[in-house]
């Protein structure tokens, strides 16, 4: 799956390659994408459209920051596997 991100006028964000929404509110949205975790920070953020089948997502609001993080191997393991290892 390809990851493509388009931001128009800091108010309309369209992206593909979204796998899961981890957390969201009006000031921050955290997504799991095919390229790692993506944190979107801003004001008045709303998920307008999401397609689980295609991984397409449309977000509106004022976008102040986009931050990618690679998930580490320890984050991928479950809590109990980390606890007993």
Protein backbone atom coordinates (compact mmCIF):
# COMPACT_ATOMS: atom_id res chain seq x y z
CA UNK A 1 0.00 0.00 0.00
CA UNK A 2 1.32 3.43 -0.96
CA UNK A 3 1.45 6.43 1.41
CA UNK A 4 0.60 9.78 -0.12
CA UNK A 5 -0.09 13.00 1.77
CA UNK A 6 -1.53 16.25 0.37
CA UNK A 7 -2.02 19.36 2.49
CA UNK A 8 -3.89 22.30 0.93
CA UNK A 9 -3.71 25.70 2.65
CA UNK A 10 -3.01 23.98 6.00
CA UNK A 11 -6.77 23.30 6.23
CA UNK A 12 -7.48 20.23 4.09
CA UNK A 13 -5.33 17.10 4.53
CA UNK A 14 -5.82 14.07 2.30
CA UNK A 15 -3.77 10.95 2.81
CA UNK A 16 -3.56 7.33 1.77
CA UNK A 17 -1.85 4.43 3.49
CA UNK A 18 -3.58 4.86 6.85
CA UNK A 19 -3.88 1.56 8.71
CA UNK A 20 -5.46 2.64 12.02
CA UNK A 21 -6.48 5.72 14.01
CA UNK A 22 -4.71 5.46 17.37
CA UNK A 23 -6.11 8.62 18.97
CA UNK A 24 -7.93 11.75 17.94
CA UNK A 25 -9.39 14.96 19.30
CA UNK A 26 -9.63 18.55 18.03
CA UNK A 27 -5.94 19.29 18.70
CA UNK A 28 -4.19 16.05 17.67
CA UNK A 29 -4.71 12.95 15.54
CA UNK A 30 -2.32 9.99 15.74
CA UNK A 31 -2.42 7.48 12.91
CA UNK A 32 -0.65 4.23 12.16
CA UNK A 33 0.42 4.41 8.51
CA UNK A 34 2.43 2.14 6.26
CA UNK A 35 5.38 4.51 6.88
CA UNK A 36 5.14 4.53 10.70
CA UNK A 37 3.20 6.56 13.22
CA UNK A 38 1.99 9.98 12.05
CA UNK A 39 1.02 12.68 14.55
CA UNK A 40 -1.03 15.56 13.19
CA UNK A 41 -1.27 18.58 15.48
CA UNK A 42 -3.45 21.64 15.06
CA UNK A 43 -6.77 23.23 15.94
CA UNK A 44 -10.33 22.20 15.09
CA UNK A 45 -9.18 18.91 13.55
CA UNK A 46 -11.96 16.64 12.28
CA UNK A 47 -11.84 13.37 10.37
CA UNK A 48 -14.26 14.04 7.52
CA UNK A 49 -13.91 10.71 5.72
CA UNK A 50 -12.11 7.44 6.36
CA UNK A 51 -12.06 4.27 4.31
CA UNK A 52 -10.81 1.22 6.19
CA UNK A 53 -10.66 -0.81 2.96
CA UNK A 54 -8.44 1.61 1.00
CA UNK A 55 -6.66 3.43 3.86
CA UNK A 56 -7.77 6.83 2.54
CA UNK A 57 -8.44 9.62 5.03
CA UNK A 58 -9.59 13.24 4.80
CA UNK A 59 -8.97 15.63 7.69
CA UNK A 60 -10.08 19.25 7.96
CA UNK A 61 -9.00 21.94 10.43
CA UNK A 62 -5.87 24.02 10.93
CA UNK A 63 -2.76 21.84 10.67
CA UNK A 64 0.21 23.14 12.66
CA UNK A 65 2.55 20.12 12.57
CA UNK A 66 3.07 16.70 10.98
CA UNK A 67 5.47 14.33 12.74
CA UNK A 68 6.48 10.80 11.71
CA UNK A 69 7.88 8.25 14.13
CA UNK A 70 9.14 4.79 13.32
CA UNK A 71 7.63 2.27 15.70
CA UNK A 72 10.37 0.37 17.48
CA UNK A 73 10.41 -3.41 17.74
CA UNK A 74 9.57 -3.20 21.46
CA UNK A 75 6.44 -1.15 20.69
CA UNK A 76 5.24 -3.85 18.31
CA UNK A 77 5.37 -6.54 21.00
CA UNK A 78 2.56 -6.93 23.47
CA UNK A 79 2.73 -5.59 27.02
CA UNK A 80 3.06 -9.07 28.53
CA UNK A 81 5.81 -10.18 26.17
CA UNK A 82 7.83 -7.10 27.16
CA UNK A 83 7.10 -7.62 30.84
CA UNK A 84 8.38 -11.19 30.92
CA UNK A 85 11.35 -10.75 28.59
